[in-house]
Amino acid sequence: MPSVVMLPYMIVELAAYGSVSGLLANVKMPTILKLLIAQVAGRGLRAVAICIGAYAFGSPVNVSVIWTSIVAGLPGLILQWIILPLFMFWLAHKVNADE
């Protein structure tokens, strides 16, 4: 579990995931590509938020903190790569079967 200190940065990341996913919802492209775009945007905005937070509190921007947060989240990202496309495939077939 991440510490409470990381909560504001996680909020920025999750908001980016939701926003980018919503913007890509009706775009014709593979689900995995949409997922990767949302994840890169979320992680990128989280890194920017960490830099802004460090600057606001007068701390030097530490690249190792950003890198550690990315590496710590890799298992969750990989799990999303596996589960979300499978779920979308199942959902699409379920909707088509009900029609």
PDB file of N, CA and C in Angstrom:
ATOM      1  N   MET A   1       0.838  -1.185   0.000  1.00  0.00           N
ATOM      2  CA  MET A   1       0.000   0.000   0.000  1.00  0.00           C
ATOM      3  C   MET A   1       0.881   1.245   0.000  1.00  0.00           C
ATOM      4  N   PRO A   2       0.526   2.203  -0.811  1.00  0.00           N
ATOM      5  CA  PRO A   2       1.293   3.450  -0.804  1.00  0.00           C
ATOM      6  C   PRO A   2       1.009   4.251   0.465  1.00  0.00           C
ATOM      7  N   SER A   3       1.936   5.126   0.785  1.00  0.00           N
ATOM      8  CA  SER A   3       1.761   5.955   1.977  1.00  0.00           C
ATOM      9  C   SER A   3       0.772   7.082   1.700  1.00  0.00           C
ATOM     10  N   VAL A   4       0.304   7.696   2.781  1.00  0.00           N
ATOM     11  CA  VAL A   4      -0.650   8.804   2.678  1.00  0.00           C
ATOM     12  C   VAL A   4      -0.022   9.984   1.939  1.00  0.00           C
ATOM     13  N   VAL A   5       1.279  10.111   2.022  1.00  0.00           N
ATOM     14  CA  VAL A   5       1.982  11.196   1.344  1.00  0.00           C
ATOM     15  C   VAL A   5       1.761  11.123  -0.173  1.00  0.00           C
ATOM     16  N   MET A   6       1.605   9.922  -0.697  1.00  0.00           N
ATOM     17  CA  MET A   6       1.440   9.751  -2.141  1.00  0.00           C
ATOM     18  C   MET A   6      -0.014   9.930  -2.606  1.00  0.00           C
ATOM     19  N   LEU A   7      -0.939  10.092  -1.672  1.00  0.00           N
ATOM     20  CA  LEU A   7      -2.359  10.189  -2.022  1.00  0.00           C
ATOM     21  C   LEU A   7      -2.668  11.307  -3.024  1.00  0.00           C
ATOM     22  N   PRO A   8      -2.185  12.535  -2.824  1.00  0.00           N
ATOM     23  CA  PRO A   8      -2.506  13.566  -3.829  1.00  0.00           C
ATOM     24  C   PRO A   8      -2.003  13.220  -5.229  1.00  0.00           C
ATOM     25  N   TYR A   9      -0.850  12.586  -5.288  1.00  0.00           N
ATOM     26  CA  TYR A   9      -0.289  12.232  -6.588  1.00  0.00           C
ATOM     27  C   TYR A   9      -1.077  11.090  -7.233  1.00  0.00           C
ATOM     28  N   MET A  10      -1.546  10.178  -6.404  1.00  0.00           N
ATOM     29  CA  MET A  10      -2.387   9.094  -6.916  1.00  0.00           C
ATOM     30  C   MET A  10      -3.717   9.627  -7.429  1.00  0.00           C
ATOM     31  N   ILE A  11      -4.248  10.641  -6.762  1.00  0.00           N
ATOM     32  CA  ILE A  11      -5.510  11.242  -7.210  1.00  0.00           C
ATOM     33  C   ILE A  11      -5.327  11.843  -8.604  1.00  0.00           C
ATOM     34  N   VAL A  12      -4.207  12.532  -8.816  1.00  0.00           N
ATOM     35  CA  VAL A  12      -3.917  13.110 -10.135  1.00  0.00           C
ATOM     36  C   VAL A  12      -3.804  11.996 -11.172  1.00  0.00           C
ATOM     37  N   GLU A  13      -3.095  10.932 -10.823  1.00  0.00           N
ATOM     38  CA  GLU A  13      -2.912   9.811 -11.748  1.00  0.00           C
ATOM     39  C   GLU A  13      -4.243   9.153 -12.107  1.00  0.00           C
ATOM     40  N   LEU A  14      -5.063   8.883 -11.098  1.00  0.00           N
ATOM     41  CA  LEU A  14      -6.347   8.224 -11.351  1.00  0.00           C
ATOM     42  C   LEU A  14      -7.300   9.121 -12.132  1.00  0.00           C
ATOM     43  N   ALA A  15      -7.251  10.432 -11.869  1.00  0.00           N
ATOM     44  CA  ALA A  15      -8.072  11.363 -12.641  1.00  0.00           C
ATOM     45  C   ALA A  15      -7.643  11.360 -14.109  1.00  0.00           C
ATOM     46  N   ALA A  16      -6.342  11.268 -14.341  1.00  0.00           N
ATOM     47  CA  ALA A  16      -5.847  11.198 -15.721  1.00  0.00           C
ATOM     48  C   ALA A  16      -6.295   9.905 -16.382  1.00  0.00           C
ATOM     49  N   TYR A  17      -6.225   8.776 -15.661  1.00  0.00           N
ATOM     50  CA  TYR A  17      -6.702   7.504 -16.208  1.00  0.00           C
ATOM     51  C   TYR A  17      -8.159   7.632 -16.657  1.00  0.00           C
ATOM     52  N   GLY A  18      -8.986   8.150 -15.771  1.00  0.00           N
ATOM     53  CA  GLY A  18     -10.410   8.276 -16.075  1.00  0.00           C
ATOM     54  C   GLY A  18     -10.677   9.227 -17.222  1.00  0.00           C
ATOM     55  N   SER A  19      -9.998  10.370 -17.215  1.00  0.00           N
ATOM     56  CA  SER A  19     -10.210  11.371 -18.265  1.00  0.00           C
ATOM     57  C   SER A  19      -9.783  10.853 -19.633  1.00  0.00           C
ATOM     58  N   VAL A  20      -8.588  10.289 -19.697  1.00  0.00           N
ATOM     59  CA  VAL A  20      -8.085   9.791 -20.978  1.00  0.00           C
ATOM     60  C   VAL A  20      -8.929   8.607 -21.453  1.00  0.00           C
ATOM     61  N   SER A  21      -9.301   7.731 -20.539  1.00  0.00           N
ATOM     62  CA  SER A  21     -10.154   6.593 -20.919  1.00  0.00           C
ATOM     63  C   SER A  21     -11.493   7.078 -21.466  1.00  0.00           C
ATOM     64  N   GLY A  22     -12.059   8.083 -20.833  1.00  0.00           N
ATOM     65  CA  GLY A  22     -13.323   8.641 -21.314  1.00  0.00           C
ATOM     66  C   GLY A  22     -13.185   9.272 -22.683  1.00  0.00           C
ATOM     67  N   LEU A  23     -12.075   9.977 -22.899  1.00  0.00           N
ATOM     68  CA  LEU A  23     -11.851  10.603 -24.205  1.00  0.00           C
ATOM     69  C   LEU A  23     -11.635   9.564 -25.307  1.00  0.00           C
ATOM     70  N   LEU A  24     -11.074   8.417 -24.941  1.00  0.00           N
ATOM     71  CA  LEU A  24     -10.789   7.375 -25.928  1.00  0.00           C
ATOM     72  C   LEU A  24     -11.908   6.345 -26.059  1.00  0.00           C
ATOM     73  N   ALA A  25     -12.980   6.504 -25.301  1.00  0.00           N
ATOM     74  CA  ALA A  25     -14.034   5.490 -25.266  1.00  0.00           C
ATOM     75  C   ALA A  25     -14.623   5.191 -26.645  1.00  0.00           C
ATOM     76  N   ASN A  26     -14.836   6.198 -27.454  1.00  0.00           N
ATOM     77  CA  ASN A  26     -15.473   5.982 -28.763  1.00  0.00           C
ATOM     78  C   ASN A  26     -14.490   6.003 -29.924  1.00  0.00           C
ATOM     79  N   VAL A  27     -13.198   5.982 -29.614  1.00  0.00           N
ATOM     80  CA  VAL A  27     -12.173   5.977 -30.653  1.00  0.00           C
ATOM     81  C   VAL A  27     -11.933   4.534 -31.099  1.00  0.00           C
ATOM     82  N   LYS A  28     -11.850   4.338 -32.401  1.00  0.00           N
ATOM     83  CA  LYS A  28     -11.621   2.991 -32.941  1.00  0.00           C
ATOM     84  C   LYS A  28     -10.132   2.664 -32.873  1.00  0.00           C
ATOM     85  N   MET A  29      -9.767   1.889 -31.880  1.00  0.00           N
ATOM     86  CA  MET A  29      -8.408   1.362 -31.743  1.00  0.00           C
ATOM     87  C   MET A  29      -8.464   0.201 -30.770  1.00  0.00           C
ATOM     88  N   PRO A  30      -7.473  -0.654 -30.789  1.00  0.00           N
ATOM     89  CA  PRO A  30      -7.489  -1.798 -29.876  1.00  0.00           C
ATOM     90  C   PRO A  30      -7.540  -1.357 -28.407  1.00  0.00           C
ATOM     91  N   THR A  31      -8.233  -2.135 -27.605  1.00  0.00           N
ATOM     92  CA  THR A  31      -8.395  -1.819 -26.186  1.00  0.00           C
ATOM     93  C   THR A  31      -7.059  -1.710 -25.481  1.00  0.00           C
ATOM     94  N   ILE A  32      -6.125  -2.581 -25.820  1.00  0.00           N
ATOM     95  CA  ILE A  32      -4.822  -2.563 -25.156  1.00  0.00           C
ATOM     96  C   ILE A  32      -4.087  -1.263 -25.458  1.00  0.00           C
ATOM     97  N   LEU A  33      -4.250  -0.721 -26.647  1.00  0.00           N
ATOM     98  CA  LEU A  33      -3.614   0.542 -26.995  1.00  0.00           C
ATOM     99  C   LEU A  33      -4.240   1.695 -26.203  1.00  0.00           C
ATOM    100  N   LYS A  34      -5.561   1.678 -26.074  1.00  0.00           N
ATOM    101  CA  LYS A  34      -6.234   2.687 -25.252  1.00  0.00           C
ATOM    102  C   LYS A  34      -5.731   2.620 -23.817  1.00  0.00           C
ATOM    103  N   LEU A  35      -5.593   1.406 -23.307  1.00  0.00           N
ATOM    104  CA  LEU A  35      -5.111   1.190 -21.948  1.00  0.00           C
ATOM    105  C   LEU A  35      -3.699   1.741 -21.779  1.00  0.00           C
ATOM    106  N   LEU A  36      -2.816   1.447 -22.723  1.00  0.00           N
ATOM    107  CA  LEU A  36      -1.439   1.927 -22.643  1.00  0.00           C
ATOM    108  C   LEU A  36      -1.367   3.449 -22.695  1.00  0.00           C
ATOM    109  N   ILE A  37      -2.172   4.062 -23.544  1.00  0.00           N
ATOM    110  CA  ILE A  37      -2.196   5.521 -23.638  1.00  0.00           C
ATOM    111  C   ILE A  37      -2.657   6.122 -22.311  1.00  0.00           C
ATOM    112  N   ALA A  38      -3.707   5.565 -21.729  1.00  0.00           N
ATOM    113  CA  ALA A  38      -4.210   6.069 -20.447  1.00  0.00           C
ATOM    114  C   ALA A  38      -3.170   5.889 -19.342  1.00  0.00           C
ATOM    115  N   GLN A  39      -2.476   4.753 -19.352  1.00  0.00           N
ATOM    116  CA  GLN A  39      -1.472   4.510 -18.323  1.00  0.00           C
ATOM    117  C   GLN A  39      -0.277   5.452 -18.459  1.00  0.00           C
ATOM    118  N   VAL A  40       0.172   5.680 -19.664  1.00  0.00           N
ATOM    119  CA  VAL A  40       1.294   6.598 -19.877  1.00  0.00           C
ATOM    120  C   VAL A  40       0.897   8.014 -19.462  1.00  0.00           C
ATOM    121  N   ALA A  41      -0.316   8.423 -19.831  1.00  0.00           N
ATOM    122  CA  ALA A  41      -0.781   9.752 -19.439  1.00  0.00           C
ATOM    123  C   ALA A  41      -0.888   9.866 -17.915  1.00  0.00           C
ATOM    124  N   GLY A  42      -1.434   8.848 -17.272  1.00  0.00           N
ATOM    125  CA  GLY A  42      -1.574   8.867 -15.819  1.00  0.00           C
ATOM    126  C   GLY A  42      -0.243   8.909 -15.117  1.00  0.00           C
ATOM    127  N   ARG A  43       0.682   8.055 -15.541  1.00  0.00           N
ATOM    128  CA  ARG A  43       2.006   8.034 -14.921  1.00  0.00           C
ATOM    129  C   ARG A  43       2.770   9.322 -15.204  1.00  0.00           C
ATOM    130  N   GLY A  44       2.604   9.857 -16.406  1.00  0.00           N
ATOM    131  CA  GLY A  44       3.273  11.119 -16.747  1.00  0.00           C
ATOM    132  C   GLY A  44       2.773  12.273 -15.897  1.00  0.00           C
ATOM    133  N   LEU A  45       1.460  12.364 -15.751  1.00  0.00           N
ATOM    134  CA  LEU A  45       0.909  13.440 -14.917  1.00  0.00           C
ATOM    135  C   LEU A  45       1.264  13.250 -13.453  1.00  0.00           C
ATOM    136  N   ARG A  46       1.377  11.996 -13.015  1.00  0.00           N
ATOM    137  CA  ARG A  46       1.802  11.747 -11.636  1.00  0.00           C
ATOM    138  C   ARG A  46       3.229  12.240 -11.433  1.00  0.00           C
ATOM    139  N   ALA A  47       4.112  11.987 -12.392  1.00  0.00           N
ATOM    140  CA  ALA A  47       5.495  12.459 -12.299  1.00  0.00           C
ATOM    141  C   ALA A  47       5.547  13.984 -12.251  1.00  0.00           C
ATOM    142  N   VAL A  48       4.729  14.632 -13.083  1.00  0.00           N
ATOM    143  CA  VAL A  48       4.670  16.094 -13.075  1.00  0.00           C
ATOM    144  C   VAL A  48       4.156  16.588 -11.721  1.00  0.00           C
ATOM    145  N   ALA A  49       3.134  15.919 -11.178  1.00  0.00           N
ATOM    146  CA  ALA A  49       2.588  16.312  -9.873  1.00  0.00           C
ATOM    147  C   ALA A  49       3.627  16.157  -8.766  1.00  0.00           C
ATOM    148  N   ILE A  50       4.422  15.091  -8.830  1.00  0.00           N
ATOM    149  CA  ILE A  50       5.483  14.898  -7.836  1.00  0.00           C
ATOM    150  C   ILE A  50       6.510  16.022  -7.947  1.00  0.00           C
ATOM    151  N   CYS A  51       6.870  16.398  -9.154  1.00  0.00           N
ATOM    152  CA  CYS A  51       7.818  17.502  -9.354  1.00  0.00           C
ATOM    153  C   CYS A  51       7.256  18.819  -8.819  1.00  0.00           C
ATOM    154  N   ILE A  52       5.990  19.080  -9.098  1.00  0.00           N
ATOM    155  CA  ILE A  52       5.351  20.306  -8.601  1.00  0.00           C
ATOM    156  C   ILE A  52       5.279  20.288  -7.079  1.00  0.00           C
ATOM    157  N   GLY A  53       4.917  19.145  -6.499  1.00  0.00           N
ATOM    158  CA  GLY A  53       4.853  19.023  -5.044  1.00  0.00           C
ATOM    159  C   GLY A  53       6.205  19.231  -4.393  1.00  0.00           C
ATOM    160  N   ALA A  54       7.245  18.649  -4.972  1.00  0.00           N
ATOM    161  CA  ALA A  54       8.598  18.820  -4.431  1.00  0.00           C
ATOM    162  C   ALA A  54       9.016  20.284  -4.512  1.00  0.00           C
ATOM    163  N   TYR A  55       8.735  20.921  -5.639  1.00  0.00           N
ATOM    164  CA  TYR A  55       9.072  22.327  -5.798  1.00  0.00           C
ATOM    165  C   TYR A  55       8.297  23.198  -4.808  1.00  0.00           C
ATOM    166  N   ALA A  56       7.014  22.897  -4.622  1.00  0.00           N
ATOM    167  CA  ALA A  56       6.169  23.694  -3.711  1.00  0.00           C
ATOM    168  C   ALA A  56       6.656  23.610  -2.271  1.00  0.00           C
ATOM    169  N   PHE A  57       7.199  22.458  -1.883  1.00  0.00           N
ATOM    170  CA  PHE A  57       7.683  22.299  -0.510  1.00  0.00           C
ATOM    171  C   PHE A  57       9.175  22.599  -0.382  1.00  0.00           C
ATOM    172  N   GLY A  58       9.776  23.080  -1.451  1.00  0.00           N
ATOM    173  CA  GLY A  58      11.180  23.470  -1.387  1.00  0.00           C
ATOM    174  C   GLY A  58      12.152  22.311  -1.373  1.00  0.00           C
ATOM    175  N   SER A  59      11.686  21.145  -1.777  1.00  0.00           N
ATOM    176  CA  SER A  59      12.568  19.976  -1.834  1.00  0.00           C
ATOM    177  C   SER A  59      13.153  19.862  -3.235  1.00  0.00           C
ATOM    178  N   PRO A  60      14.339  19.321  -3.316  1.00  0.00           N
ATOM    179  CA  PRO A  60      14.867  19.079  -4.668  1.00  0.00           C
ATOM    180  C   PRO A  60      14.084  17.941  -5.322  1.00  0.00           C
ATOM    181  N   VAL A  61      13.911  18.040  -6.620  1.00  0.00           N
ATOM    182  CA  VAL A  61      13.211  16.986  -7.347  1.00  0.00           C
ATOM    183  C   VAL A  61      14.132  15.782  -7.397  1.00  0.00           C
ATOM    184  N   ASN A  62      13.651  14.692  -6.847  1.00  0.00           N
ATOM    185  CA  ASN A  62      14.447  13.479  -6.767  1.00  0.00           C
ATOM    186  C   ASN A  62      13.916  12.481  -7.785  1.00  0.00           C
ATOM    187  N   VAL A  63      14.701  12.202  -8.810  1.00  0.00           N
ATOM    188  CA  VAL A  63      14.281  11.303  -9.876  1.00  0.00           C
ATOM    189  C   VAL A  63      14.050   9.896  -9.336  1.00  0.00           C
ATOM    190  N   SER A  64      14.769   9.524  -8.298  1.00  0.00           N
ATOM    191  CA  SER A  64      14.603   8.176  -7.752  1.00  0.00           C
ATOM    192  C   SER A  64      13.212   7.985  -7.153  1.00  0.00           C
ATOM    193  N   VAL A  65      12.610   9.048  -6.614  1.00  0.00           N
ATOM    194  CA  VAL A  65      11.244   8.943  -6.078  1.00  0.00           C
ATOM    195  C   VAL A  65      10.264   8.670  -7.212  1.00  0.00           C
ATOM    196  N   ILE A  66      10.421   9.375  -8.310  1.00  0.00           N
ATOM    197  CA  ILE A  66       9.544   9.175  -9.468  1.00  0.00           C
ATOM    198  C   ILE A  66       9.747   7.766 -10.025  1.00  0.00           C
ATOM    199  N   TRP A  67      11.004   7.353 -10.169  1.00  0.00           N
ATOM    200  CA  TRP A  67      11.293   6.025 -10.707  1.00  0.00           C
ATOM    201  C   TRP A  67      10.749   4.938  -9.785  1.00  0.00           C
ATOM    202  N   THR A  68      10.908   5.116  -8.471  1.00  0.00           N
ATOM    203  CA  THR A  68      10.411   4.135  -7.507  1.00  0.00           C
ATOM    204  C   THR A  68       8.901   4.006  -7.594  1.00  0.00           C
ATOM    205  N   SER A  69       8.198   5.127  -7.764  1.00  0.00           N
ATOM    206  CA  SER A  69       6.733   5.059  -7.857  1.00  0.00           C
ATOM    207  C   SER A  69       6.300   4.348  -9.132  1.00  0.00           C
ATOM    208  N   ILE A  70       7.059   4.500 -10.205  1.00  0.00           N
ATOM    209  CA  ILE A  70       6.734   3.804 -11.455  1.00  0.00           C
ATOM    210  C   ILE A  70       6.979   2.308 -11.307  1.00  0.00           C
ATOM    211  N   VAL A  71       8.138   1.948 -10.765  1.00  0.00           N
ATOM    212  CA  VAL A  71       8.484   0.531 -10.609  1.00  0.00           C
ATOM    213  C   VAL A  71       7.533  -0.155  -9.623  1.00  0.00           C
ATOM    214  N   ALA A  72       7.174   0.535  -8.544  1.00  0.00           N
ATOM    215  CA  ALA A  72       6.266  -0.052  -7.552  1.00  0.00           C
ATOM    216  C   ALA A  72       4.887  -0.330  -8.151  1.00  0.00           C
ATOM    217  N   GLY A  73       4.486   0.464  -9.131  1.00  0.00           N
ATOM    218  CA  GLY A  73       3.181   0.271  -9.747  1.00  0.00           C
ATOM    219  C   GLY A  73       3.151  -0.698 -10.909  1.00  0.00           C
ATOM    220  N   LEU A  74       4.306  -1.204 -11.322  1.00  0.00           N
ATOM    221  CA  LEU A  74       4.352  -2.112 -12.484  1.00  0.00           C
ATOM    222  C   LEU A  74       3.501  -3.366 -12.331  1.00  0.00           C
ATOM    223  N   PRO A  75       3.487  -4.035 -11.180  1.00  0.00           N
ATOM    224  CA  PRO A  75       2.620  -5.212 -11.085  1.00  0.00           C
ATOM    225  C   PRO A  75       1.146  -4.885 -11.349  1.00  0.00           C
ATOM    226  N   GLY A  76       0.688  -3.760 -10.844  1.00  0.00           N
ATOM    227  CA  GLY A  76      -0.696  -3.357 -11.095  1.00  0.00           C
ATOM    228  C   GLY A  76      -0.938  -3.028 -12.555  1.00  0.00           C
ATOM    229  N   LEU A  77       0.031  -2.382 -13.198  1.00  0.00           N
ATOM    230  CA  LEU A  77      -0.108  -2.056 -14.618  1.00  0.00           C
ATOM    231  C   LEU A  77      -0.157  -3.327 -15.461  1.00  0.00           C
ATOM    232  N   ILE A  78       0.704  -4.272 -15.153  1.00  0.00           N
ATOM    233  CA  ILE A  78       0.727  -5.532 -15.906  1.00  0.00           C
ATOM    234  C   ILE A  78      -0.576  -6.302 -15.701  1.00  0.00           C
ATOM    235  N   LEU A  79      -1.076  -6.282 -14.481  1.00  0.00           N
ATOM    236  CA  LEU A  79      -2.360  -6.930 -14.202  1.00  0.00           C
ATOM    237  C   LEU A  79      -3.475  -6.296 -15.034  1.00  0.00           C
ATOM    238  N   GLN A  80      -3.436  -4.971 -15.179  1.00  0.00           N
ATOM    239  CA  GLN A  80      -4.430  -4.280 -16.004  1.00  0.00           C
ATOM    240  C   GLN A  80      -4.292  -4.694 -17.466  1.00  0.00           C
ATOM    241  N   TRP A  81      -3.060  -4.890 -17.946  1.00  0.00           N
ATOM    242  CA  TRP A  81      -2.851  -5.312 -19.337  1.00  0.00           C
ATOM    243  C   TRP A  81      -3.496  -6.654 -19.595  1.00  0.00           C
ATOM    244  N   ILE A  82      -3.546  -7.498 -18.585  1.00  0.00           N
ATOM    245  CA  ILE A  82      -4.115  -8.840 -18.742  1.00  0.00           C
ATOM    246  C   ILE A  82      -5.627  -8.824 -18.533  1.00  0.00           C
ATOM    247  N   ILE A  83      -6.073  -8.222 -17.439  1.00  0.00           N
ATOM    248  CA  ILE A  83      -7.474  -8.323 -17.034  1.00  0.00           C
ATOM    249  C   ILE A  83      -8.404  -7.431 -17.857  1.00  0.00           C
ATOM    250  N   LEU A  84      -8.036  -6.184 -18.088  1.00  0.00           N
ATOM    251  CA  LEU A  84      -8.957  -5.264 -18.772  1.00  0.00           C
ATOM    252  C   LEU A  84      -9.295  -5.679 -20.205  1.00  0.00           C
ATOM    253  N   PRO A  85      -8.331  -6.057 -21.038  1.00  0.00           N
ATOM    254  CA  PRO A  85      -8.732  -6.520 -22.376  1.00  0.00           C
ATOM    255  C   PRO A  85      -9.615  -7.768 -22.331  1.00  0.00           C
ATOM    256  N   LEU A  86      -9.322  -8.684 -21.412  1.00  0.00           N
ATOM    257  CA  LEU A  86     -10.171  -9.871 -21.280  1.00  0.00           C
ATOM    258  C   LEU A  86     -11.581  -9.497 -20.851  1.00  0.00           C
ATOM    259  N   PHE A  87     -11.681  -8.560 -19.921  1.00  0.00           N
ATOM    260  CA  PHE A  87     -12.987  -8.104 -19.467  1.00  0.00           C
ATOM    261  C   PHE A  87     -13.752  -7.420 -20.596  1.00  0.00           C
ATOM    262  N   MET A  88     -13.079  -6.577 -21.369  1.00  0.00           N
ATOM    263  CA  MET A  88     -13.736  -5.887 -22.481  1.00  0.00           C
ATOM    264  C   MET A  88     -14.189  -6.887 -23.542  1.00  0.00           C
ATOM    265  N   PHE A  89     -13.382  -7.912 -23.804  1.00  0.00           N
ATOM    266  CA  PHE A  89     -13.751  -8.966 -24.752  1.00  0.00           C
ATOM    267  C   PHE A  89     -14.984  -9.698 -24.250  1.00  0.00           C
ATOM    268  N   TRP A  90     -14.989 -10.066 -22.970  1.00  0.00           N
ATOM    269  CA  TRP A  90     -16.132 -10.767 -22.373  1.00  0.00           C
ATOM    270  C   TRP A  90     -17.377  -9.888 -22.415  1.00  0.00           C
ATOM    271  N   LEU A  91     -17.226  -8.613 -22.077  1.00  0.00           N
ATOM    272  CA  LEU A  91     -18.366  -7.691 -22.062  1.00  0.00           C
ATOM    273  C   LEU A  91     -18.943  -7.515 -23.461  1.00  0.00           C
ATOM    274  N   ALA A  92     -18.091  -7.380 -24.455  1.00  0.00           N
ATOM    275  CA  ALA A  92     -18.557  -7.210 -25.841  1.00  0.00           C
ATOM    276  C   ALA A  92     -19.334  -8.435 -26.294  1.00  0.00           C
ATOM    277  N   HIS A  93     -18.863  -9.623 -25.947  1.00  0.00           N
ATOM    278  CA  HIS A  93     -19.565 -10.845 -26.324  1.00  0.00           C
ATOM    279  C   HIS A  93     -20.853 -11.015 -25.549  1.00  0.00           C
ATOM    280  N   LYS A  94     -20.874 -10.595 -24.312  1.00  0.00           N
ATOM    281  CA  LYS A  94     -22.078 -10.679 -23.487  1.00  0.00           C
ATOM    282  C   LYS A  94     -23.156  -9.749 -24.052  1.00  0.00           C
ATOM    283  N   VAL A  95     -22.783  -8.533 -24.422  1.00  0.00           N
ATOM    284  CA  VAL A  95     -23.737  -7.569 -24.979  1.00  0.00           C
ATOM    285  C   VAL A  95     -24.269  -8.080 -26.317  1.00  0.00           C
ATOM    286  N   ASN A  96     -23.400  -8.623 -27.158  1.00  0.00           N
ATOM    287  CA  ASN A  96     -23.831  -9.142 -28.455  1.00  0.00           C
ATOM    288  C   ASN A  96     -24.722 -10.373 -28.299  1.00  0.00           C
ATOM    289  N   ALA A  97     -24.487 -11.180 -27.288  1.00  0.00           N
ATOM    290  CA  ALA A  97     -25.301 -12.378 -27.065  1.00  0.00           C
ATOM    291  C   ALA A  97     -26.687 -12.000 -26.554  1.00  0.00           C
ATOM    292  N   ASP A  98     -26.794 -10.900 -25.817  1.00  0.00           N
ATOM    293  CA  ASP A  98     -28.089 -10.466 -25.277  1.00  0.00           C
ATOM    294  C   ASP A  98     -28.962  -9.795 -26.323  1.00  0.00           C
ATOM    295  N   GLU A  99     -28.377  -9.368 -27.427  1.00  0.00           N
ATOM    296  CA  GLU A  99     -29.170  -8.659 -28.447  1.00  0.00           C
ATOM    297  C   GLU A  99     -29.900  -9.589 -29.353  1.00  0.00           C
TER     298      GLU A  99
END
